[in-house]
Amino acid sequence: MATKKSIVKAIQKRSDGMCERCGGWGVDPHHLLEGSTKKETECVENVLWLCRRCHNYLHSSKGQAENYELKLDYQSRMLRLYDEKEARVIMGGKLLLDTENKLSRERECHWLR
């Protein structure tokens, strides 16, 4: 899914153009919830600004666990903002469980601090 120009500008501003994972020079938007065409997920909170290396890493098998953790952070924010039913829709129909098999509302999105 192509990221809207307004979203790209907002995440570039939020990150000062730097990768929100390693601090290098960012060049790519990374959707936590990929492939969704729902307007609820096309938002600043769902997109990170990353350097090419970090973006490739999060899409690799080695980066899957970290990417899952980022999705849990985003989901936690959605559970604080919306009821569970609405959060489920935003998350693409299912909610993710943390390592304790719980829905966490306490996780923070480091990219939004």
C-alpha atoms as a PDB file:
ATOM      1  CA  MET A   1       0.000   0.000   0.000  1.00  0.00           C
ATOM      2  CA  ALA A   2       1.374   3.385  -0.925  1.00  0.00           C
ATOM      3  CA  THR A   3       1.567   5.681   2.044  1.00  0.00           C
ATOM      4  CA  LYS A   4      -0.270   8.980   1.748  1.00  0.00           C
ATOM      5  CA  LYS A   5       2.022  11.980   1.316  1.00  0.00           C
ATOM      6  CA  SER A   6       0.496  13.651   4.386  1.00  0.00           C
ATOM      7  CA  ILE A   7       1.373  10.605   6.520  1.00  0.00           C
ATOM      8  CA  VAL A   8       4.926  10.489   5.174  1.00  0.00           C
ATOM      9  CA  LYS A   9       5.415  14.194   5.933  1.00  0.00           C
ATOM     10  CA  ALA A  10       4.035  13.744   9.454  1.00  0.00           C
ATOM     11  CA  ILE A  11       6.284  10.785  10.289  1.00  0.00           C
ATOM     12  CA  GLN A  12       9.313  12.537   8.802  1.00  0.00           C
ATOM     13  CA  LYS A  13       8.568  15.536  11.003  1.00  0.00           C
ATOM     14  CA  ARG A  14       7.957  13.334  14.060  1.00  0.00           C
ATOM     15  CA  SER A  15      11.298  11.564  13.547  1.00  0.00           C
ATOM     16  CA  ASP A  16      13.297  14.588  12.339  1.00  0.00           C
ATOM     17  CA  GLY A  17      14.052  12.419   9.296  1.00  0.00           C
ATOM     18  CA  MET A  18      15.867   9.848  11.413  1.00  0.00           C
ATOM     19  CA  CYS A  19      15.210   6.098  11.560  1.00  0.00           C
ATOM     20  CA  GLU A  20      12.872   5.427  14.469  1.00  0.00           C
ATOM     21  CA  ARG A  21      14.650   2.157  15.186  1.00  0.00           C
ATOM     22  CA  CYS A  22      18.390   2.882  14.996  1.00  0.00           C
ATOM     23  CA  GLY A  23      18.668   6.666  14.660  1.00  0.00           C
ATOM     24  CA  GLY A  24      20.251   6.565  11.192  1.00  0.00           C
ATOM     25  CA  TRP A  25      18.933   8.456   8.194  1.00  0.00           C
ATOM     26  CA  GLY A  26      15.358   7.341   7.515  1.00  0.00           C
ATOM     27  CA  VAL A  27      14.127   6.721   3.976  1.00  0.00           C
ATOM     28  CA  ASP A  28      11.192   4.260   4.188  1.00  0.00           C
ATOM     29  CA  PRO A  29       7.738   4.224   5.784  1.00  0.00           C
ATOM     30  CA  HIS A  30       7.024   0.909   7.531  1.00  0.00           C
ATOM     31  CA  HIS A  31       3.416  -0.068   8.219  1.00  0.00           C
ATOM     32  CA  LEU A  32       2.935  -2.141  11.325  1.00  0.00           C
ATOM     33  CA  LEU A  33      -0.308  -3.476   9.873  1.00  0.00           C
ATOM     34  CA  GLU A  34       0.677  -4.179   6.302  1.00  0.00           C
ATOM     35  CA  GLY A  35      -1.495  -4.651   3.282  1.00  0.00           C
ATOM     36  CA  SER A  36      -4.546  -3.120   4.881  1.00  0.00           C
ATOM     37  CA  THR A  37      -6.675  -0.753   2.882  1.00  0.00           C
ATOM     38  CA  LYS A  38      -8.776   0.227   5.881  1.00  0.00           C
ATOM     39  CA  LYS A  39      -8.634   3.953   6.478  1.00  0.00           C
ATOM     40  CA  GLU A  40      -8.384   3.301  10.237  1.00  0.00           C
ATOM     41  CA  THR A  41      -4.884   1.874   9.797  1.00  0.00           C
ATOM     42  CA  GLU A  42      -3.612   4.570   7.434  1.00  0.00           C
ATOM     43  CA  CYS A  43      -2.561   6.822  10.286  1.00  0.00           C
ATOM     44  CA  VAL A  44       0.625   8.261  11.738  1.00  0.00           C
ATOM     45  CA  GLU A  45       0.610   5.833  14.678  1.00  0.00           C
ATOM     46  CA  ASN A  46       0.677   2.791  12.367  1.00  0.00           C
ATOM     47  CA  VAL A  47       3.724   3.908  10.375  1.00  0.00           C
ATOM     48  CA  LEU A  48       7.382   4.107  11.403  1.00  0.00           C
ATOM     49  CA  TRP A  49      10.093   6.027   9.548  1.00  0.00           C
ATOM     50  CA  LEU A  50      13.034   3.680   9.029  1.00  0.00           C
ATOM     51  CA  CYS A  51      16.364   3.445   7.273  1.00  0.00           C
ATOM     52  CA  ARG A  52      16.524   0.831   4.516  1.00  0.00           C
ATOM     53  CA  ARG A  53      18.575  -1.559   6.672  1.00  0.00           C
ATOM     54  CA  CYS A  54      16.077  -1.540   9.577  1.00  0.00           C
ATOM     55  CA  HIS A  55      13.121  -1.773   7.202  1.00  0.00           C
ATOM     56  CA  ASN A  56      14.613  -4.837   5.521  1.00  0.00           C
ATOM     57  CA  TYR A  57      15.431  -6.331   8.923  1.00  0.00           C
ATOM     58  CA  LEU A  58      11.856  -5.997  10.229  1.00  0.00           C
ATOM     59  CA  HIS A  59      10.601  -7.760   7.097  1.00  0.00           C
ATOM     60  CA  SER A  60      13.147 -10.578   7.460  1.00  0.00           C
ATOM     61  CA  SER A  61      12.754 -13.774   9.443  1.00  0.00           C
ATOM     62  CA  LYS A  62      15.260 -12.454  12.011  1.00  0.00           C
ATOM     63  CA  GLY A  63      13.171  -9.319  12.568  1.00  0.00           C
ATOM     64  CA  GLN A  64       9.773 -11.019  12.888  1.00  0.00           C
ATOM     65  CA  ALA A  65       9.833 -11.119  16.693  1.00  0.00           C
ATOM     66  CA  GLU A  66      10.711  -7.430  16.971  1.00  0.00           C
ATOM     67  CA  ASN A  67       8.082  -6.522  14.387  1.00  0.00           C
ATOM     68  CA  TYR A  68       5.496  -8.493  16.411  1.00  0.00           C
ATOM     69  CA  GLU A  69       6.489  -6.525  19.517  1.00  0.00           C
ATOM     70  CA  LEU A  70       5.966  -3.257  17.625  1.00  0.00           C
ATOM     71  CA  LYS A  71       2.518  -4.470  16.568  1.00  0.00           C
ATOM     72  CA  LEU A  72       1.735  -5.282  20.219  1.00  0.00           C
ATOM     73  CA  ASP A  73       2.737  -1.722  21.161  1.00  0.00           C
ATOM     74  CA  TYR A  74       0.430  -0.300  18.500  1.00  0.00           C
ATOM     75  CA  GLN A  75      -2.409  -2.621  19.505  1.00  0.00           C
ATOM     76  CA  SER A  76      -2.041  -1.592  23.144  1.00  0.00           C
ATOM     77  CA  ARG A  77      -2.534   2.019  22.118  1.00  0.00           C
ATOM     78  CA  MET A  78      -5.623   1.078  20.089  1.00  0.00           C
ATOM     79  CA  LEU A  79      -7.052  -0.801  23.100  1.00  0.00           C
ATOM     80  CA  ARG A  80      -6.625   2.329  25.222  1.00  0.00           C
ATOM     81  CA  LEU A  81      -8.279   4.539  22.609  1.00  0.00           C
ATOM     82  CA  TYR A  82     -11.110   2.241  21.479  1.00  0.00           C
ATOM     83  CA  ASP A  83     -13.217  -0.562  22.882  1.00  0.00           C
ATOM     84  CA  GLU A  84     -12.036  -4.098  22.186  1.00  0.00           C
ATOM     85  CA  LYS A  85     -14.407  -4.622  19.257  1.00  0.00           C
ATOM     86  CA  GLU A  86     -13.208  -1.468  17.459  1.00  0.00           C
ATOM     87  CA  ALA A  87      -9.563  -2.305  18.206  1.00  0.00           C
ATOM     88  CA  ARG A  88     -10.097  -5.759  16.704  1.00  0.00           C
ATOM     89  CA  VAL A  89     -11.407  -4.206  13.471  1.00  0.00           C
ATOM     90  CA  ILE A  90      -8.439  -1.830  13.319  1.00  0.00           C
ATOM     91  CA  MET A  91      -6.031  -4.732  13.870  1.00  0.00           C
ATOM     92  CA  GLY A  92      -7.455  -6.566  10.871  1.00  0.00           C
ATOM     93  CA  GLY A  93      -9.922  -8.853  12.628  1.00  0.00           C
ATOM     94  CA  LYS A  94      -7.775 -10.397  15.329  1.00  0.00           C
ATOM     95  CA  LEU A  95      -6.005  -9.234  18.439  1.00  0.00           C
ATOM     96  CA  LEU A  96      -2.456 -10.265  19.301  1.00  0.00           C
ATOM     97  CA  LEU A  97      -1.458 -11.799  22.626  1.00  0.00           C
ATOM     98  CA  ASP A  98       1.729 -10.969  24.494  1.00  0.00           C
ATOM     99  CA  THR A  99       4.162 -13.546  25.910  1.00  0.00           C
ATOM    100  CA  GLU A 100       1.815 -14.099  28.879  1.00  0.00           C
ATOM    101  CA  ASN A 101      -1.121 -14.762  26.508  1.00  0.00           C
ATOM    102  CA  LYS A 102      -2.787 -11.512  27.542  1.00  0.00           C
ATOM    103  CA  LEU A 103      -4.086  -8.408  25.815  1.00  0.00           C
ATOM    104  CA  SER A 104      -1.919  -5.600  27.098  1.00  0.00           C
ATOM    105  CA  ARG A 105      -3.115  -2.019  27.361  1.00  0.00           C
ATOM    106  CA  GLU A 106       0.023  -0.851  29.154  1.00  0.00           C
ATOM    107  CA  ARG A 107       2.613  -1.043  26.380  1.00  0.00           C
ATOM    108  CA  GLU A 108       3.936   2.218  24.941  1.00  0.00           C
ATOM    109  CA  CYS A 109       4.714   3.088  21.361  1.00  0.00           C
ATOM    110  CA  HIS A 110       8.297   4.379  21.653  1.00  0.00           C
ATOM    111  CA  TRP A 111       7.909   6.227  18.352  1.00  0.00           C
ATOM    112  CA  LEU A 112       5.071   8.328  19.798  1.00  0.00           C
ATOM    113  CA  ARG A 113       6.763   9.447  23.026  1.00  0.00           C
END
